[in-house]
PDB file of N, CA and C in Angstrom:
ATOM      1  N   UNK A   1       0.843  -1.185   0.000  1.00  0.00           N
ATOM      2  CA  UNK A   1       0.000   0.000   0.000  1.00  0.00           C
ATOM      3  C   UNK A   1       0.886   1.246   0.000  1.00  0.00           C
ATOM      4  N   UNK A   2       0.467   2.238  -0.684  1.00  0.00           N
ATOM      5  CA  UNK A   2       1.205   3.490  -0.789  1.00  0.00           C
ATOM      6  C   UNK A   2       0.918   4.349   0.437  1.00  0.00           C
ATOM      7  N   UNK A   3       1.991   4.888   1.014  1.00  0.00           N
ATOM      8  CA  UNK A   3       1.808   5.801   2.141  1.00  0.00           C
ATOM      9  C   UNK A   3       1.380   7.159   1.609  1.00  0.00           C
ATOM     10  N   UNK A   4       0.415   7.753   2.283  1.00  0.00           N
ATOM     11  CA  UNK A   4      -0.177   8.997   1.808  1.00  0.00           C
ATOM     12  C   UNK A   4      -0.359   9.906   3.014  1.00  0.00           C
ATOM     13  N   UNK A   5       0.205  11.084   2.962  1.00  0.00           N
ATOM     14  CA  UNK A   5       0.110  12.039   4.073  1.00  0.00           C
ATOM     15  C   UNK A   5      -1.261  12.711   4.024  1.00  0.00           C
ATOM     16  N   UNK A   6      -2.200  12.120   4.735  1.00  0.00           N
ATOM     17  CA  UNK A   6      -3.581  12.612   4.697  1.00  0.00           C
ATOM     18  C   UNK A   6      -3.722  13.985   5.338  1.00  0.00           C
ATOM     19  N   UNK A   7      -2.975  14.216   6.397  1.00  0.00           N
ATOM     20  CA  UNK A   7      -3.068  15.515   7.077  1.00  0.00           C
ATOM     21  C   UNK A   7      -2.588  16.632   6.152  1.00  0.00           C
ATOM     22  N   UNK A   8      -1.464  16.418   5.505  1.00  0.00           N
ATOM     23  CA  UNK A   8      -0.929  17.427   4.589  1.00  0.00           C
ATOM     24  C   UNK A   8      -1.891  17.675   3.424  1.00  0.00           C
ATOM     25  N   UNK A   9      -2.443  16.608   2.880  1.00  0.00           N
ATOM     26  CA  UNK A   9      -3.385  16.758   1.772  1.00  0.00           C
ATOM     27  C   UNK A   9      -4.620  17.534   2.211  1.00  0.00           C
ATOM     28  N   UNK A  10      -5.123  17.220   3.382  1.00  0.00           N
ATOM     29  CA  UNK A  10      -6.308  17.917   3.898  1.00  0.00           C
ATOM     30  C   UNK A  10      -6.015  19.402   4.106  1.00  0.00           C
ATOM     31  N   UNK A  11      -4.852  19.699   4.656  1.00  0.00           N
ATOM     32  CA  UNK A  11      -4.468  21.111   4.868  1.00  0.00           C
ATOM     33  C   UNK A  11      -4.383  21.862   3.546  1.00  0.00           C
ATOM     34  N   UNK A  12      -3.767  21.234   2.552  1.00  0.00           N
ATOM     35  CA  UNK A  12      -3.622  21.906   1.252  1.00  0.00           C
ATOM     36  C   UNK A  12      -4.973  22.153   0.599  1.00  0.00           C
ATOM     37  N   UNK A  13      -5.878  21.198   0.740  1.00  0.00           N
ATOM     38  CA  UNK A  13      -7.221  21.389   0.181  1.00  0.00           C
ATOM     39  C   UNK A  13      -7.940  22.537   0.882  1.00  0.00           C
ATOM     40  N   UNK A  14      -7.774  22.628   2.202  1.00  0.00           N
ATOM     41  CA  UNK A  14      -8.416  23.723   2.940  1.00  0.00           C
ATOM     42  C   UNK A  14      -7.788  25.066   2.576  1.00  0.00           C
ATOM     43  N   UNK A  15      -6.484  25.061   2.290  1.00  0.00           N
ATOM     44  CA  UNK A  15      -5.797  26.302   1.903  1.00  0.00           C
ATOM     45  C   UNK A  15      -6.331  26.863   0.584  1.00  0.00           C
ATOM     46  N   UNK A  16      -6.792  25.995  -0.302  1.00  0.00           N
ATOM     47  CA  UNK A  16      -7.282  26.469  -1.599  1.00  0.00           C
ATOM     48  C   UNK A  16      -8.802  26.621  -1.637  1.00  0.00           C
ATOM     49  N   UNK A  17      -9.446  26.545  -0.471  1.00  0.00           N
ATOM     50  CA  UNK A  17     -10.853  26.886  -0.427  1.00  0.00           C
ATOM     51  C   UNK A  17     -11.839  25.790  -0.078  1.00  0.00           C
ATOM     52  N   UNK A  18     -11.400  24.577   0.066  1.00  0.00           N
ATOM     53  CA  UNK A  18     -12.328  23.521   0.477  1.00  0.00           C
ATOM     54  C   UNK A  18     -12.570  23.634   1.974  1.00  0.00           C
ATOM     55  N   UNK A  19     -13.802  23.338   2.395  1.00  0.00           N
ATOM     56  CA  UNK A  19     -14.035  23.343   3.839  1.00  0.00           C
ATOM     57  C   UNK A  19     -13.534  22.014   4.414  1.00  0.00           C
ATOM     58  N   UNK A  20     -13.528  21.901   5.720  1.00  0.00           N
ATOM     59  CA  UNK A  20     -12.951  20.730   6.383  1.00  0.00           C
ATOM     60  C   UNK A  20     -13.660  19.438   5.979  1.00  0.00           C
ATOM     61  N   UNK A  21     -14.976  19.492   5.850  1.00  0.00           N
ATOM     62  CA  UNK A  21     -15.742  18.299   5.478  1.00  0.00           C
ATOM     63  C   UNK A  21     -15.410  17.852   4.053  1.00  0.00           C
ATOM     64  N   UNK A  22     -15.316  18.804   3.132  1.00  0.00           N
ATOM     65  CA  UNK A  22     -14.978  18.479   1.744  1.00  0.00           C
ATOM     66  C   UNK A  22     -13.562  17.908   1.651  1.00  0.00           C
ATOM     67  N   UNK A  23     -12.639  18.578   2.331  1.00  0.00           N
ATOM     68  CA  UNK A  23     -11.252  18.119   2.311  1.00  0.00           C
ATOM     69  C   UNK A  23     -11.155  16.704   2.871  1.00  0.00           C
ATOM     70  N   UNK A  24     -11.861  16.461   3.968  1.00  0.00           N
ATOM     71  CA  UNK A  24     -11.848  15.122   4.568  1.00  0.00           C
ATOM     72  C   UNK A  24     -12.409  14.066   3.632  1.00  0.00           C
ATOM     73  N   UNK A  25     -13.489  14.402   2.934  1.00  0.00           N
ATOM     74  CA  UNK A  25     -14.096  13.448   2.002  1.00  0.00           C
ATOM     75  C   UNK A  25     -13.166  13.142   0.832  1.00  0.00           C
ATOM     76  N   UNK A  26     -12.519  14.164   0.316  1.00  0.00           N
ATOM     77  CA  UNK A  26     -11.596  13.964  -0.807  1.00  0.00           C
ATOM     78  C   UNK A  26     -10.422  13.095  -0.380  1.00  0.00           C
ATOM     79  N   UNK A  27      -9.846  13.407   0.766  1.00  0.00           N
ATOM     80  CA  UNK A  27      -8.699  12.641   1.262  1.00  0.00           C
ATOM     81  C   UNK A  27      -9.105  11.195   1.541  1.00  0.00           C
ATOM     82  N   UNK A  28     -10.277  11.000   2.137  1.00  0.00           N
ATOM     83  CA  UNK A  28     -10.748   9.638   2.419  1.00  0.00           C
ATOM     84  C   UNK A  28     -10.933   8.849   1.128  1.00  0.00           C
ATOM     85  N   UNK A  29     -11.486   9.495   0.124  1.00  0.00           N
ATOM     86  CA  UNK A  29     -11.689   8.828  -1.166  1.00  0.00           C
ATOM     87  C   UNK A  29     -10.358   8.436  -1.789  1.00  0.00           C
ATOM     88  N   UNK A  30      -9.413   9.358  -1.775  1.00  0.00           N
ATOM     89  CA  UNK A  30      -8.091   9.048  -2.328  1.00  0.00           C
ATOM     90  C   UNK A  30      -7.429   7.907  -1.573  1.00  0.00           C
ATOM     91  N   UNK A  31      -7.516   7.941  -0.266  1.00  0.00           N
ATOM     92  CA  UNK A  31      -6.875   6.923   0.562  1.00  0.00           C
ATOM     93  C   UNK A  31      -7.505   5.552   0.333  1.00  0.00           C
ATOM     94  N   UNK A  32      -8.822   5.493   0.308  1.00  0.00           N
ATOM     95  CA  UNK A  32      -9.515   4.211   0.198  1.00  0.00           C
ATOM     96  C   UNK A  32      -9.521   3.655  -1.219  1.00  0.00           C
ATOM     97  N   UNK A  33      -9.838   4.498  -2.185  1.00  0.00           N
ATOM     98  CA  UNK A  33     -10.060   4.001  -3.540  1.00  0.00           C
ATOM     99  C   UNK A  33      -8.803   3.951  -4.397  1.00  0.00           C
ATOM    100  N   UNK A  34      -7.978   4.938  -4.294  1.00  0.00           N
ATOM    101  CA  UNK A  34      -6.812   5.022  -5.169  1.00  0.00           C
ATOM    102  C   UNK A  34      -5.593   4.364  -4.537  1.00  0.00           C
ATOM    103  N   UNK A  35      -5.454   4.478  -3.239  1.00  0.00           N
ATOM    104  CA  UNK A  35      -4.265   3.985  -2.554  1.00  0.00           C
ATOM    105  C   UNK A  35      -3.956   2.526  -2.799  1.00  0.00           C
ATOM    106  N   UNK A  36      -4.971   1.684  -2.841  1.00  0.00           N
ATOM    107  CA  UNK A  36      -4.749   0.257  -3.040  1.00  0.00           C
ATOM    108  C   UNK A  36      -4.393  -0.091  -4.478  1.00  0.00           C
ATOM    109  N   UNK A  37      -4.621   0.816  -5.402  1.00  0.00           N
ATOM    110  CA  UNK A  37      -4.364   0.530  -6.808  1.00  0.00           C
ATOM    111  C   UNK A  37      -3.001   1.029  -7.274  1.00  0.00           C
ATOM    112  N   UNK A  38      -2.296   1.751  -6.443  1.00  0.00           N
ATOM    113  CA  UNK A  38      -0.985   2.272  -6.810  1.00  0.00           C
ATOM    114  C   UNK A  38       0.095   1.286  -6.394  1.00  0.00           C
ATOM    115  N   UNK A  39       1.117   1.163  -7.209  1.00  0.00           N
ATOM    116  CA  UNK A  39       2.226   0.267  -6.906  1.00  0.00           C
ATOM    117  C   UNK A  39       3.312   1.024  -6.154  1.00  0.00           C
ATOM    118  N   UNK A  40       3.845   0.379  -5.141  1.00  0.00           N
ATOM    119  CA  UNK A  40       4.968   0.948  -4.411  1.00  0.00           C
ATOM    120  C   UNK A  40       6.268   0.513  -5.090  1.00  0.00           C
ATOM    121  N   UNK A  41       7.363   1.096  -4.665  1.00  0.00           N
ATOM    122  CA  UNK A  41       8.668   0.690  -5.182  1.00  0.00           C
ATOM    123  C   UNK A  41       8.909  -0.780  -4.871  1.00  0.00           C
ATOM    124  N   UNK A  42       8.509  -1.214  -3.682  1.00  0.00           N
ATOM    125  CA  UNK A  42       8.674  -2.624  -3.304  1.00  0.00           C
ATOM    126  C   UNK A  42       7.842  -3.536  -4.206  1.00  0.00           C
ATOM    127  N   UNK A  43       6.625  -3.109  -4.554  1.00  0.00           N
ATOM    128  CA  UNK A  43       5.786  -3.891  -5.471  1.00  0.00           C
ATOM    129  C   UNK A  43       6.478  -4.060  -6.818  1.00  0.00           C
ATOM    130  N   UNK A  44       7.048  -2.987  -7.314  1.00  0.00           N
ATOM    131  CA  UNK A  44       7.718  -3.024  -8.615  1.00  0.00           C
ATOM    132  C   UNK A  44       8.958  -3.907  -8.549  1.00  0.00           C
ATOM    133  N   UNK A  45       9.704  -3.828  -7.464  1.00  0.00           N
ATOM    134  CA  UNK A  45      10.897  -4.680  -7.313  1.00  0.00           C
ATOM    135  C   UNK A  45      10.516  -6.154  -7.293  1.00  0.00           C
ATOM    136  N   UNK A  46       9.437  -6.497  -6.557  1.00  0.00           N
ATOM    137  CA  UNK A  46       8.980  -7.888  -6.527  1.00  0.00           C
ATOM    138  C   UNK A  46       8.597  -8.360  -7.930  1.00  0.00           C
ATOM    139  N   UNK A  47       7.930  -7.510  -8.672  1.00  0.00           N
ATOM    140  CA  UNK A  47       7.541  -7.858 -10.035  1.00  0.00           C
ATOM    141  C   UNK A  47       8.772  -8.056 -10.916  1.00  0.00           C
ATOM    142  N   UNK A  48       9.763  -7.186 -10.766  1.00  0.00           N
ATOM    143  CA  UNK A  48      10.998  -7.325 -11.538  1.00  0.00           C
ATOM    144  C   UNK A  48      11.694  -8.643 -11.210  1.00  0.00           C
ATOM    145  N   UNK A  49      11.729  -9.014  -9.922  1.00  0.00           N
ATOM    146  CA  UNK A  49      12.358 -10.274  -9.519  1.00  0.00           C
ATOM    147  C   UNK A  49      11.625 -11.465 -10.125  1.00  0.00           C
ATOM    148  N   UNK A  50      10.297 -11.417 -10.118  1.00  0.00           N
ATOM    149  CA  UNK A  50       9.523 -12.503 -10.724  1.00  0.00           C
ATOM    150  C   UNK A  50       9.802 -12.597 -12.221  1.00  0.00           C
ATOM    151  N   UNK A  51       9.886 -11.442 -12.876  1.00  0.00           N
ATOM    152  CA  UNK A  51      10.150 -11.436 -14.313  1.00  0.00           C
ATOM    153  C   UNK A  51      11.553 -11.967 -14.611  1.00  0.00           C
ATOM    154  N   UNK A  52      12.542 -11.593 -13.784  1.00  0.00           N
ATOM    155  CA  UNK A  52      13.901 -12.099 -13.970  1.00  0.00           C
ATOM    156  C   UNK A  52      13.933 -13.616 -13.823  1.00  0.00           C
ATOM    157  N   UNK A  53      13.235 -14.124 -12.802  1.00  0.00           N
ATOM    158  CA  UNK A  53      13.183 -15.569 -12.571  1.00  0.00           C
ATOM    159  C   UNK A  53      12.510 -16.275 -13.751  1.00  0.00           C
ATOM    160  N   UNK A  54      11.437 -15.698 -14.249  1.00  0.00           N
ATOM    161  CA  UNK A  54      10.731 -16.277 -15.389  1.00  0.00           C
ATOM    162  C   UNK A  54      11.629 -16.291 -16.624  1.00  0.00           C
ATOM    163  N   UNK A  55      12.376 -15.219 -16.819  1.00  0.00           N
ATOM    164  CA  UNK A  55      13.280 -15.144 -17.970  1.00  0.00           C
ATOM    165  C   UNK A  55      14.353 -16.231 -17.883  1.00  0.00           C
ATOM    166  N   UNK A  56      14.893 -16.449 -16.680  1.00  0.00           N
ATOM    167  CA  UNK A  56      15.904 -17.490 -16.491  1.00  0.00           C
ATOM    168  C   UNK A  56      15.329 -18.867 -16.820  1.00  0.00           C
ATOM    169  N   UNK A  57      14.098 -19.126 -16.351  1.00  0.00           N
ATOM    170  CA  UNK A  57      13.460 -20.420 -16.628  1.00  0.00           C
ATOM    171  C   UNK A  57      13.216 -20.599 -18.121  1.00  0.00           C
ATOM    172  N   UNK A  58      12.773 -19.538 -18.788  1.00  0.00           N
ATOM    173  CA  UNK A  58      12.535 -19.627 -20.231  1.00  0.00           C
ATOM    174  C   UNK A  58      13.834 -19.847 -20.996  1.00  0.00           C
ATOM    175  N   UNK A  59      14.909 -19.173 -20.583  1.00  0.00           N
ATOM    176  CA  UNK A  59      16.211 -19.374 -21.221  1.00  0.00           C
ATOM    177  C   UNK A  59      16.651 -20.827 -21.082  1.00  0.00           C
ATOM    178  N   UNK A  60      16.463 -21.377 -19.888  1.00  0.00           N
ATOM    179  CA  UNK A  60      16.851 -22.763 -19.635  1.00  0.00           C
ATOM    180  C   UNK A  60      16.027 -23.722 -20.502  1.00  0.00           C
ATOM    181  N   UNK A  61      14.732 -23.490 -20.575  1.00  0.00           N
ATOM    182  CA  UNK A  61      13.866 -24.350 -21.389  1.00  0.00           C
ATOM    183  C   UNK A  61      14.238 -24.262 -22.868  1.00  0.00           C
ATOM    184  N   UNK A  62      14.537 -23.051 -23.338  1.00  0.00           N
ATOM    185  CA  UNK A  62      14.915 -22.886 -24.747  1.00  0.00           C
ATOM    186  C   UNK A  62      16.234 -23.597 -25.041  1.00  0.00           C
ATOM    187  N   UNK A  63      17.180 -23.523 -24.114  1.00  0.00           N
ATOM    188  CA  UNK A  63      18.465 -24.196 -24.297  1.00  0.00           C
ATOM    189  C   UNK A  63      18.261 -25.702 -24.397  1.00  0.00           C
ATOM    190  N   UNK A  64      17.423 -26.246 -23.526  1.00  0.00           N
ATOM    191  CA  UNK A  64      17.143 -27.683 -23.557  1.00  0.00           C
ATOM    192  C   UNK A  64      16.472 -28.063 -24.874  1.00  0.00           C
ATOM    193  N   UNK A  65      15.494 -27.295 -25.295  1.00  0.00           N
ATOM    194  CA  UNK A  65      14.794 -27.606 -26.549  1.00  0.00           C
ATOM    195  C   UNK A  65      15.725 -27.514 -27.755  1.00  0.00           C
ATOM    196  N   UNK A  66      16.614 -26.517 -27.744  1.00  0.00           N
ATOM    197  CA  UNK A  66      17.567 -26.391 -28.854  1.00  0.00           C
ATOM    198  C   UNK A  66      18.490 -27.608 -28.887  1.00  0.00           C
ATOM    199  N   UNK A  67      18.928 -28.064 -27.715  1.00  0.00           N
ATOM    200  CA  UNK A  67      19.788 -29.244 -27.649  1.00  0.00           C
ATOM    201  C   UNK A  67      19.084 -30.492 -28.145  1.00  0.00           C
ATOM    202  N   UNK A  68      17.841 -30.674 -27.734  1.00  0.00           N
ATOM    203  CA  UNK A  68      17.062 -31.833 -28.183  1.00  0.00           C
ATOM    204  C   UNK A  68      16.851 -31.777 -29.694  1.00  0.00           C
ATOM    205  N   UNK A  69      16.536 -30.604 -30.209  1.00  0.00           N
ATOM    206  CA  UNK A  69      16.322 -30.445 -31.651  1.00  0.00           C
ATOM    207  C   UNK A  69      17.604 -30.735 -32.426  1.00  0.00           C
ATOM    208  N   UNK A  70      18.729 -30.232 -31.949  1.00  0.00           N
ATOM    209  CA  UNK A  70      20.010 -30.471 -32.622  1.00  0.00           C
ATOM    210  C   UNK A  70      20.365 -31.954 -32.588  1.00  0.00           C
ATOM    211  N   UNK A  71      20.114 -32.609 -31.463  1.00  0.00           N
ATOM    212  CA  UNK A  71      20.397 -34.040 -31.346  1.00  0.00           C
ATOM    213  C   UNK A  71      19.514 -34.841 -32.295  1.00  0.00           C
ATOM    214  N   UNK A  72      18.241 -34.493 -32.360  1.00  0.00           N
ATOM    215  CA  UNK A  72      17.321 -35.199 -33.258  1.00  0.00           C
ATOM    216  C   UNK A  72      17.724 -34.996 -34.714  1.00  0.00           C
ATOM    217  N   UNK A  73      18.073 -33.778 -35.076  1.00  0.00           N
ATOM    218  CA  UNK A  73      18.475 -33.494 -36.457  1.00  0.00           C
ATOM    219  C   UNK A  73      19.745 -34.256 -36.815  1.00  0.00           C
ATOM    220  N   UNK A  74      20.690 -34.311 -35.898  1.00  0.00           N
ATOM    221  CA  UNK A  74      21.935 -35.047 -36.137  1.00  0.00           C
ATOM    222  C   UNK A  74      21.649 -36.536 -36.295  1.00  0.00           C
ATOM    223  N   UNK A  75      20.774 -37.072 -35.469  1.00  0.00           N
ATOM    224  CA  UNK A  75      20.419 -38.494 -35.555  1.00  0.00           C
ATOM    225  C   UNK A  75      19.774 -38.820 -36.890  1.00  0.00           C
ATOM    226  N   UNK A  76      18.857 -37.969 -37.338  1.00  0.00           N
ATOM    227  CA  UNK A  76      18.199 -38.186 -38.632  1.00  0.00           C
ATOM    228  C   UNK A  76      19.223 -38.115 -39.759  1.00  0.00           C
ATOM    229  N   UNK A  77      20.123 -37.155 -39.694  1.00  0.00           N
ATOM    230  CA  UNK A  77      21.149 -37.011 -40.726  1.00  0.00           C
ATOM    231  C   UNK A  77      22.068 -38.227 -40.754  1.00  0.00           C
ATOM    232  N   UNK A  78      22.501 -38.698 -39.593  1.00  0.00           N
ATOM    233  CA  UNK A  78      23.373 -39.875 -39.540  1.00  0.00           C
ATOM    234  C   UNK A  78      22.644 -41.120 -40.040  1.00  0.00           C
ATOM    235  N   UNK A  79      21.377 -41.248 -39.701  1.00  0.00           N
ATOM    236  CA  UNK A  79      20.598 -42.391 -40.191  1.00  0.00           C
ATOM    237  C   UNK A  79      20.474 -42.332 -41.702  1.00  0.00           C
ATOM    238  N   UNK A  80      20.231 -41.146 -42.239  1.00  0.00           N
ATOM    239  CA  UNK A  80      20.116 -40.996 -43.692  1.00  0.00           C
ATOM    240  C   UNK A  80      21.433 -41.328 -44.373  1.00  0.00           C
ATOM    241  N   UNK A  81      22.531 -40.896 -43.789  1.00  0.00           N
ATOM    242  CA  UNK A  81      23.854 -41.210 -44.358  1.00  0.00           C
ATOM    243  C   UNK A  81      24.094 -42.711 -44.302  1.00  0.00           C
ATOM    244  N   UNK A  82      23.732 -43.319 -43.179  1.00  0.00           N
ATOM    245  CA  UNK A  82      23.897 -44.773 -43.049  1.00  0.00           C
ATOM    246  C   UNK A  82      23.074 -45.529 -44.069  1.00  0.00           C
ATOM    247  N   UNK A  83      21.840 -45.111 -44.278  1.00  0.00           N
ATOM    248  CA  UNK A  83      20.980 -45.765 -45.267  1.00  0.00           C
ATOM    249  C   UNK A  83      21.551 -45.570 -46.665  1.00  0.00           C
ATOM    250  N   UNK A  84      21.970 -44.341 -46.956  1.00  0.00           N
ATOM    251  CA  UNK A  84      22.525 -44.052 -48.283  1.00  0.00           C
ATOM    252  C   UNK A  84      23.809 -44.834 -48.513  1.00  0.00           C
ATOM    253  N   UNK A  85      24.658 -44.930 -47.505  1.00  0.00           N
ATOM    254  CA  UNK A  85      25.914 -45.659 -47.632  1.00  0.00           C
ATOM    255  C   UNK A  85      25.634 -47.144 -47.841  1.00  0.00           C
ATOM    256  N   UNK A  86      24.699 -47.672 -47.091  1.00  0.00           N
ATOM    257  CA  UNK A  86      24.335 -49.089 -47.253  1.00  0.00           C
ATOM    258  C   UNK A  86      23.728 -49.354 -48.614  1.00  0.00           C
ATOM    259  N   UNK A  87      22.916 -48.433 -49.095  1.00  0.00           N
ATOM    260  CA  UNK A  87      22.285 -48.586 -50.406  1.00  0.00           C
ATOM    261  C   UNK A  87      23.335 -48.548 -51.512  1.00  0.00           C
ATOM    262  N   UNK A  88      24.290 -47.619 -51.385  1.00  0.00           N
ATOM    263  CA  UNK A  88      25.331 -47.493 -52.403  1.00  0.00           C
ATOM    264  C   UNK A  88      26.271 -48.692 -52.382  1.00  0.00           C
ATOM    265  N   UNK A  89      26.511 -49.268 -51.212  1.00  0.00           N
ATOM    266  CA  UNK A  89      27.429 -50.398 -51.106  1.00  0.00           C
ATOM    267  C   UNK A  89      26.838 -51.646 -51.757  1.00  0.00           C
ATOM    268  N   UNK A  90      25.526 -51.758 -51.764  1.00  0.00           N
ATOM    269  CA  UNK A  90      24.893 -52.942 -52.354  1.00  0.00           C
ATOM    270  C   UNK A  90      24.734 -52.833 -53.865  1.00  0.00           C
ATOM    271  N   UNK A  91      24.906 -51.667 -54.417  1.00  0.00           N
ATOM    272  CA  UNK A  91      24.728 -51.529 -55.868  1.00  0.00           C
ATOM    273  C   UNK A  91      26.032 -51.454 -56.596  1.00  0.00           C
TER     274      UNK A  91
END
């Protein structure tokens, strides 16, 4: 939750012409409705850490898939060479 100086906000609203009741209502609305929807620096850091972790996992998965694909392609190529060599040797 974002820290919000309600007293300071109320004073500033009263300085520009709002009465105490209006200032209180505005500050209460901001505190209740908007405060929970704002991200703090800590919220953003946690999100960055999650994204970094996700990126590491995706990199690892991609590396594994690339290795499996390269191994499969090499196996198919070697099998094709073996078949071709055997075919040529018999003719």
